[in-house]
């Protein structure tokens, strides 16, 4: 499979190519969603452990390093957890 330039993406593509691209995007997005759900589950467990021992300052930044994501991602995940919109 070759990498396409932006101009090639706008060119006509047959139905099979379009379907393969859509399937690839769907697969990629489902993997991302699954990883996010698992990360949020682990975040919930780790946060409970940290609170039990009294560590509260800097936990989001620490968790971002552990999971290899931005602190903003952890902040967003934690907001969803608090609102009950993750599982």
C-alpha atoms as a PDB file:
ATOM      1  CA  UNK A   1       0.000   0.000   0.000  1.00  0.00           C
ATOM      2  CA  UNK A   2       1.396   3.352  -0.949  1.00  0.00           C
ATOM      3  CA  UNK A   3       1.029   6.668   0.807  1.00  0.00           C
ATOM      4  CA  UNK A   4      -1.216   9.084  -1.046  1.00  0.00           C
ATOM      5  CA  UNK A   5      -0.561  12.771  -1.478  1.00  0.00           C
ATOM      6  CA  UNK A   6      -3.379  15.213  -0.674  1.00  0.00           C
ATOM      7  CA  UNK A   7      -4.113  15.685  -4.379  1.00  0.00           C
ATOM      8  CA  UNK A   8      -4.474  11.941  -4.898  1.00  0.00           C
ATOM      9  CA  UNK A   9      -7.056  11.760  -2.092  1.00  0.00           C
ATOM     10  CA  UNK A  10      -9.345  14.084  -4.022  1.00  0.00           C
ATOM     11  CA  UNK A  11      -9.063  12.090  -7.242  1.00  0.00           C
ATOM     12  CA  UNK A  12     -11.757   9.633  -8.264  1.00  0.00           C
ATOM     13  CA  UNK A  13     -11.577   6.329  -6.400  1.00  0.00           C
ATOM     14  CA  UNK A  14     -13.437   3.164  -7.277  1.00  0.00           C
ATOM     15  CA  UNK A  15     -15.974   1.678  -4.861  1.00  0.00           C
ATOM     16  CA  UNK A  16     -13.588  -0.991  -3.572  1.00  0.00           C
ATOM     17  CA  UNK A  17     -10.958   1.589  -2.652  1.00  0.00           C
ATOM     18  CA  UNK A  18     -13.534   3.765  -0.925  1.00  0.00           C
ATOM     19  CA  UNK A  19     -14.861   0.775   1.021  1.00  0.00           C
ATOM     20  CA  UNK A  20     -11.358  -0.293   2.057  1.00  0.00           C
ATOM     21  CA  UNK A  21     -10.532   3.211   3.283  1.00  0.00           C
ATOM     22  CA  UNK A  22     -13.776   3.384   5.257  1.00  0.00           C
ATOM     23  CA  UNK A  23     -13.118  -0.020   6.790  1.00  0.00           C
ATOM     24  CA  UNK A  24      -9.597   1.032   7.722  1.00  0.00           C
ATOM     25  CA  UNK A  25     -10.868   4.204   9.407  1.00  0.00           C
ATOM     26  CA  UNK A  26     -13.576   2.255  11.241  1.00  0.00           C
ATOM     27  CA  UNK A  27     -11.015  -0.252  12.504  1.00  0.00           C
ATOM     28  CA  UNK A  28      -8.579   2.457  13.584  1.00  0.00           C
ATOM     29  CA  UNK A  29     -11.326   4.347  15.424  1.00  0.00           C
ATOM     30  CA  UNK A  30     -12.601   1.209  17.163  1.00  0.00           C
ATOM     31  CA  UNK A  31      -9.074   0.459  18.396  1.00  0.00           C
ATOM     32  CA  UNK A  32      -8.771   4.034  19.705  1.00  0.00           C
ATOM     33  CA  UNK A  33     -12.126   3.762  21.490  1.00  0.00           C
ATOM     34  CA  UNK A  34     -11.161   0.444  23.085  1.00  0.00           C
ATOM     35  CA  UNK A  35      -7.845   1.880  24.280  1.00  0.00           C
ATOM     36  CA  UNK A  36      -9.620   4.920  25.732  1.00  0.00           C
ATOM     37  CA  UNK A  37     -12.103   2.765  27.651  1.00  0.00           C
ATOM     38  CA  UNK A  38      -9.281   0.638  29.070  1.00  0.00           C
ATOM     39  CA  UNK A  39      -7.242   3.725  29.941  1.00  0.00           C
ATOM     40  CA  UNK A  40     -10.233   5.236  31.748  1.00  0.00           C
ATOM     41  CA  UNK A  41     -10.830   2.011  33.658  1.00  0.00           C
ATOM     42  CA  UNK A  42      -7.204   1.924  34.746  1.00  0.00           C
ATOM     43  CA  UNK A  43      -7.323   5.645  35.552  1.00  0.00           C
ATOM     44  CA  UNK A  44     -10.286   5.082  37.862  1.00  0.00           C
ATOM     45  CA  UNK A  45      -8.452   2.287  39.702  1.00  0.00           C
ATOM     46  CA  UNK A  46      -5.198   4.245  40.002  1.00  0.00           C
ATOM     47  CA  UNK A  47      -6.991   7.364  41.217  1.00  0.00           C
ATOM     48  CA  UNK A  48      -8.675   5.370  43.993  1.00  0.00           C
ATOM     49  CA  UNK A  49      -5.295   3.959  45.057  1.00  0.00           C
ATOM     50  CA  UNK A  50      -3.684   7.415  45.101  1.00  0.00           C
ATOM     51  CA  UNK A  51      -6.507   8.929  47.146  1.00  0.00           C
ATOM     52  CA  UNK A  52      -6.277   6.074  49.642  1.00  0.00           C
ATOM     53  CA  UNK A  53      -2.672   6.995  50.418  1.00  0.00           C
ATOM     54  CA  UNK A  54      -3.345  10.731  50.332  1.00  0.00           C
ATOM     55  CA  UNK A  55      -1.581  11.626  47.091  1.00  0.00           C
ATOM     56  CA  UNK A  56      -3.686  14.197  45.293  1.00  0.00           C
ATOM     57  CA  UNK A  57      -1.391  16.875  43.829  1.00  0.00           C
ATOM     58  CA  UNK A  58       0.004  16.199  40.375  1.00  0.00           C
ATOM     59  CA  UNK A  59      -1.808  12.914  39.857  1.00  0.00           C
ATOM     60  CA  UNK A  60      -3.113  13.845  36.391  1.00  0.00           C
ATOM     61  CA  UNK A  61       0.353  14.714  35.122  1.00  0.00           C
ATOM     62  CA  UNK A  62       1.751  11.514  36.645  1.00  0.00           C
ATOM     63  CA  UNK A  63      -0.979   9.420  35.033  1.00  0.00           C
ATOM     64  CA  UNK A  64      -0.371  11.133  31.682  1.00  0.00           C
ATOM     65  CA  UNK A  65       3.256  10.007  31.845  1.00  0.00           C
ATOM     66  CA  UNK A  66       2.233   6.466  32.814  1.00  0.00           C
ATOM     67  CA  UNK A  67      -0.224   6.163  29.912  1.00  0.00           C
ATOM     68  CA  UNK A  68       1.888   8.105  27.422  1.00  0.00           C
ATOM     69  CA  UNK A  69      -0.778  10.703  26.662  1.00  0.00           C
ATOM     70  CA  UNK A  70      -1.222  14.425  27.174  1.00  0.00           C
ATOM     71  CA  UNK A  71      -2.305  15.699  30.611  1.00  0.00           C
ATOM     72  CA  UNK A  72      -5.277  17.232  28.785  1.00  0.00           C
ATOM     73  CA  UNK A  73      -6.348  13.713  27.751  1.00  0.00           C
ATOM     74  CA  UNK A  74      -6.299  12.599  31.383  1.00  0.00           C
ATOM     75  CA  UNK A  75      -8.275  15.697  32.361  1.00  0.00           C
ATOM     76  CA  UNK A  76     -10.848  14.920  29.678  1.00  0.00           C
ATOM     77  CA  UNK A  77     -11.009  11.256  30.713  1.00  0.00           C
ATOM     78  CA  UNK A  78     -11.468  12.190  34.364  1.00  0.00           C
ATOM     79  CA  UNK A  79     -14.286  14.593  33.472  1.00  0.00           C
ATOM     80  CA  UNK A  80     -16.075  11.814  31.580  1.00  0.00           C
ATOM     81  CA  UNK A  81     -15.586   9.443  34.513  1.00  0.00           C
ATOM     82  CA  UNK A  82     -17.055  11.993  36.950  1.00  0.00           C
ATOM     83  CA  UNK A  83     -20.031  12.554  34.660  1.00  0.00           C
ATOM     84  CA  UNK A  84     -20.548   8.804  34.312  1.00  0.00           C
ATOM     85  CA  UNK A  85     -20.212   8.820  30.510  1.00  0.00           C
ATOM     86  CA  UNK A  86     -17.434   6.298  29.991  1.00  0.00           C
ATOM     87  CA  UNK A  87     -18.635   2.760  30.372  1.00  0.00           C
END
